[in-house]
Structure formats: C-alpha cells, structure tokens
Amino acid sequence: MTDPADPPKTRTRDAGATKARILAAAKREFAKHGLAGARVDSRRFVAMVNAILLRGVEAGVICPGVVPIQLNITIAAIGYYYLTNRFTGSILFEKDMMTKEALDERLRFNIDTILRLVGA
C-alpha cells in the first residue's frame, strides 16, 4: 500500500509511442497470422478492457461498475457523431470542424468526457 502522504504519480501520455506500439503489435499479428490476424476476438477484447478497468478500480482511479461493452460503444459514438456531422456542424457553428485545431479540441474534449465518465 502507498503512503497517503506521497503525491499521486502522474503518467505522461505519449500518443506517438502508443501509436507505435499498436502498429508494431498489428504488424506482428499480420506476420504471424496473415489476414486472420486482422480479426478481433471479442471475448479477449472485452476481457482485456475489463482487466484494465478492474486495475483502475483497485487503484482508485476508475469507479466500479463500468461495463466494457458500454464504454466501447460510448467512445465510438462520441467520435462517430462528430465526424459524421462535420458538414452540418460546420454550417451550424460557422466553423470548419476538420481543421487540426478543431480536431485537437474535440479529441481533448472526448478524452476529458470519458475520463469524467469512468473516473472515481
């Protein structure tokens, strides 16, 4: 157990490193399994997400009861809606919804929204 007097450790996010790890894992899967490596075993995926959520609950950073499937659907919906409504949004809000700045702003908002949803 950690000492309550110790400040919480922060993790530095590195999107480039994360992307590189995901691509490396995908290349290994394709090299090992060919096109069959492109399939996702949904049970393994849900189990993996659930394990991550449970570790977060144990660490006190994620609230208990987050359902992996519902979390995945919510994350997808938040991204999907913005992109599929980019033209309507651009007219309605008189703003180009696809500039780098607009996309960066949306990504920050999406991450903040999900963190607030699952946070303890």
C-alpha atoms as a PDB file:
ATOM      1  CA  MET A   1       0.000   0.000   0.000  1.00  0.00           C
ATOM      2  CA  THR A   2       1.232   3.517  -0.705  1.00  0.00           C
ATOM      3  CA  ASP A   3       1.729   6.173   1.899  1.00  0.00           C
ATOM      4  CA  PRO A   4      -1.167   8.697   1.762  1.00  0.00           C
ATOM      5  CA  ALA A   5       1.397  11.450   2.230  1.00  0.00           C
ATOM      6  CA  ASP A   6       3.050  10.537  -1.080  1.00  0.00           C
ATOM      7  CA  PRO A   7       1.780  12.608  -4.006  1.00  0.00           C
ATOM      8  CA  PRO A   8      -0.020  10.575  -6.669  1.00  0.00           C
ATOM      9  CA  LYS A   9       2.178   9.576  -9.575  1.00  0.00           C
ATOM     10  CA  THR A  10       1.200  11.047 -12.899  1.00  0.00           C
ATOM     11  CA  ARG A  11       1.648   9.185 -16.134  1.00  0.00           C
ATOM     12  CA  THR A  12       2.937  11.127 -19.094  1.00  0.00           C
ATOM     13  CA  ARG A  13       0.837  10.439 -22.154  1.00  0.00           C
ATOM     14  CA  ASP A  14       2.748   9.860 -25.361  1.00  0.00           C
ATOM     15  CA  ALA A  15       0.369   9.428 -28.287  1.00  0.00           C
ATOM     16  CA  GLY A  16       3.226   8.768 -30.700  1.00  0.00           C
ATOM     17  CA  ALA A  17       4.661   5.964 -28.575  1.00  0.00           C
ATOM     18  CA  THR A  18       1.207   4.443 -28.083  1.00  0.00           C
ATOM     19  CA  LYS A  19       0.537   4.544 -31.814  1.00  0.00           C
ATOM     20  CA  ALA A  20       3.934   2.930 -32.492  1.00  0.00           C
ATOM     21  CA  ARG A  21       3.192   0.102 -30.005  1.00  0.00           C
ATOM     22  CA  ILE A  22      -0.232  -0.529 -31.556  1.00  0.00           C
ATOM     23  CA  LEU A  23       1.216  -0.606 -35.084  1.00  0.00           C
ATOM     24  CA  ALA A  24       4.062  -2.905 -34.001  1.00  0.00           C
ATOM     25  CA  ALA A  25       1.571  -5.302 -32.392  1.00  0.00           C
ATOM     26  CA  ALA A  26      -0.585  -5.235 -35.531  1.00  0.00           C
ATOM     27  CA  LYS A  27       2.435  -5.988 -37.742  1.00  0.00           C
ATOM     28  CA  ARG A  28       3.376  -8.944 -35.527  1.00  0.00           C
ATOM     29  CA  GLU A  29      -0.187 -10.294 -35.707  1.00  0.00           C
ATOM     30  CA  PHE A  30      -0.336  -9.949 -39.502  1.00  0.00           C
ATOM     31  CA  ALA A  31       3.108 -11.532 -39.882  1.00  0.00           C
ATOM     32  CA  LYS A  32       2.118 -14.435 -37.649  1.00  0.00           C
ATOM     33  CA  HIS A  33      -1.500 -14.986 -38.785  1.00  0.00           C
ATOM     34  CA  GLY A  34      -1.887 -13.245 -42.158  1.00  0.00           C
ATOM     35  CA  LEU A  35      -5.311 -11.734 -42.801  1.00  0.00           C
ATOM     36  CA  ALA A  36      -6.763 -13.854 -39.991  1.00  0.00           C
ATOM     37  CA  GLY A  37      -4.691 -11.647 -37.696  1.00  0.00           C
ATOM     38  CA  ALA A  38      -6.988  -8.764 -38.562  1.00  0.00           C
ATOM     39  CA  ARG A  39      -9.899 -10.328 -36.725  1.00  0.00           C
ATOM     40  CA  VAL A  40     -10.678  -9.266 -33.199  1.00  0.00           C
ATOM     41  CA  ASP A  41     -11.602 -11.927 -30.683  1.00  0.00           C
ATOM     42  CA  SER A  42     -14.394 -10.033 -28.954  1.00  0.00           C
ATOM     43  CA  ARG A  43     -14.215 -12.144 -25.806  1.00  0.00           C
ATOM     44  CA  ARG A  44     -10.499 -11.447 -25.430  1.00  0.00           C
ATOM     45  CA  PHE A  45     -11.036  -7.765 -26.144  1.00  0.00           C
ATOM     46  CA  VAL A  46     -13.801  -7.441 -23.544  1.00  0.00           C
ATOM     47  CA  ALA A  47     -11.730  -9.424 -21.035  1.00  0.00           C
ATOM     48  CA  MET A  48      -8.717  -7.170 -21.661  1.00  0.00           C
ATOM     49  CA  VAL A  49     -10.749  -3.972 -21.214  1.00  0.00           C
ATOM     50  CA  ASN A  50     -12.396  -5.412 -18.109  1.00  0.00           C
ATOM     51  CA  ALA A  51      -8.971  -6.246 -16.633  1.00  0.00           C
ATOM     52  CA  ILE A  52      -7.806  -2.682 -17.283  1.00  0.00           C
ATOM     53  CA  LEU A  53     -10.950  -1.291 -15.670  1.00  0.00           C
ATOM     54  CA  LEU A  54     -10.551  -3.570 -12.635  1.00  0.00           C
ATOM     55  CA  ARG A  55      -6.946  -2.424 -12.172  1.00  0.00           C
ATOM     56  CA  GLY A  56      -8.210   1.141 -12.322  1.00  0.00           C
ATOM     57  CA  VAL A  57     -10.875   0.398  -9.704  1.00  0.00           C
ATOM     58  CA  GLU A  58      -8.261  -1.210  -7.446  1.00  0.00           C
ATOM     59  CA  ALA A  59      -6.007   1.839  -7.890  1.00  0.00           C
ATOM     60  CA  GLY A  60      -8.924   4.131  -7.051  1.00  0.00           C
ATOM     61  CA  VAL A  61      -8.895   5.964 -10.380  1.00  0.00           C
ATOM     62  CA  ILE A  62     -11.915   4.299 -12.024  1.00  0.00           C
ATOM     63  CA  CYS A  63     -15.357   3.974 -10.500  1.00  0.00           C
ATOM     64  CA  PRO A  64     -16.637   0.426 -10.082  1.00  0.00           C
ATOM     65  CA  GLY A  65     -19.343  -0.887 -12.375  1.00  0.00           C
ATOM     66  CA  VAL A  66     -18.107   0.438 -15.728  1.00  0.00           C
ATOM     67  CA  VAL A  67     -19.220  -2.120 -18.328  1.00  0.00           C
ATOM     68  CA  PRO A  68     -16.544  -2.651 -21.028  1.00  0.00           C
ATOM     69  CA  ILE A  69     -19.031  -3.073 -23.888  1.00  0.00           C
ATOM     70  CA  GLN A  70     -20.944   0.079 -22.923  1.00  0.00           C
ATOM     71  CA  LEU A  71     -17.703   2.028 -22.546  1.00  0.00           C
ATOM     72  CA  ASN A  72     -16.570   0.924 -26.010  1.00  0.00           C
ATOM     73  CA  ILE A  73     -19.911   1.908 -27.562  1.00  0.00           C
ATOM     74  CA  THR A  74     -19.779   5.311 -25.844  1.00  0.00           C
ATOM     75  CA  ILE A  75     -16.231   6.022 -27.021  1.00  0.00           C
ATOM     76  CA  ALA A  76     -17.166   5.037 -30.579  1.00  0.00           C
ATOM     77  CA  ALA A  77     -20.342   7.127 -30.509  1.00  0.00           C
ATOM     78  CA  ILE A  78     -18.571  10.250 -29.283  1.00  0.00           C
ATOM     79  CA  GLY A  79     -16.077  10.081 -32.146  1.00  0.00           C
ATOM     80  CA  TYR A  80     -18.530   8.895 -34.785  1.00  0.00           C
ATOM     81  CA  TYR A  81     -21.137  11.598 -34.221  1.00  0.00           C
ATOM     82  CA  TYR A  82     -18.625  14.424 -34.598  1.00  0.00           C
ATOM     83  CA  LEU A  83     -17.163  13.052 -37.816  1.00  0.00           C
ATOM     84  CA  THR A  84     -20.451  12.111 -39.473  1.00  0.00           C
ATOM     85  CA  ASN A  85     -21.930  15.522 -38.666  1.00  0.00           C
ATOM     86  CA  ARG A  86     -18.884  17.592 -39.581  1.00  0.00           C
ATOM     87  CA  PHE A  87     -20.548  19.251 -42.571  1.00  0.00           C
ATOM     88  CA  THR A  88     -23.748  20.111 -40.733  1.00  0.00           C
ATOM     89  CA  GLY A  89     -21.707  21.258 -37.726  1.00  0.00           C
ATOM     90  CA  SER A  90     -19.529  23.446 -39.913  1.00  0.00           C
ATOM     91  CA  ILE A  91     -22.624  25.232 -41.229  1.00  0.00           C
ATOM     92  CA  LEU A  92     -24.461  25.360 -37.908  1.00  0.00           C
ATOM     93  CA  PHE A  93     -21.486  26.606 -35.882  1.00  0.00           C
ATOM     94  CA  GLU A  94     -19.890  28.599 -38.747  1.00  0.00           C
ATOM     95  CA  LYS A  95     -16.599  26.825 -38.105  1.00  0.00           C
ATOM     96  CA  ASP A  96     -14.527  24.326 -40.078  1.00  0.00           C
ATOM     97  CA  MET A  97     -14.879  21.220 -37.927  1.00  0.00           C
ATOM     98  CA  MET A  98     -11.954  19.437 -39.637  1.00  0.00           C
ATOM     99  CA  THR A  99      -9.059  21.835 -39.056  1.00  0.00           C
ATOM    100  CA  LYS A 100      -6.208  20.492 -36.967  1.00  0.00           C
ATOM    101  CA  GLU A 101      -7.167  22.881 -34.178  1.00  0.00           C
ATOM    102  CA  ALA A 102     -10.836  21.807 -34.235  1.00  0.00           C
ATOM    103  CA  LEU A 103      -9.911  18.109 -34.248  1.00  0.00           C
ATOM    104  CA  ASP A 104      -7.378  18.591 -31.425  1.00  0.00           C
ATOM    105  CA  GLU A 105     -10.000  20.467 -29.400  1.00  0.00           C
ATOM    106  CA  ARG A 106     -12.516  17.677 -29.992  1.00  0.00           C
ATOM    107  CA  LEU A 107     -10.016  14.976 -29.042  1.00  0.00           C
ATOM    108  CA  ARG A 108      -9.221  16.776 -25.771  1.00  0.00           C
ATOM    109  CA  PHE A 109     -12.952  17.098 -25.064  1.00  0.00           C
ATOM    110  CA  ASN A 110     -13.594  13.420 -25.857  1.00  0.00           C
ATOM    111  CA  ILE A 111     -10.766  12.264 -23.586  1.00  0.00           C
ATOM    112  CA  ASP A 112     -11.933  14.545 -20.780  1.00  0.00           C
ATOM    113  CA  THR A 113     -15.512  13.300 -21.186  1.00  0.00           C
ATOM    114  CA  ILE A 114     -14.517   9.632 -20.982  1.00  0.00           C
ATOM    115  CA  LEU A 115     -12.203  10.246 -18.028  1.00  0.00           C
ATOM    116  CA  ARG A 116     -15.032  12.012 -16.181  1.00  0.00           C
ATOM    117  CA  LEU A 117     -17.379   9.157 -17.038  1.00  0.00           C
ATOM    118  CA  VAL A 118     -15.150   6.414 -15.658  1.00  0.00           C
ATOM    119  CA  GLY A 119     -13.218   8.376 -13.028  1.00  0.00           C
ATOM    120  CA  ALA A 120     -13.560   7.620  -9.361  1.00  0.00           C
END
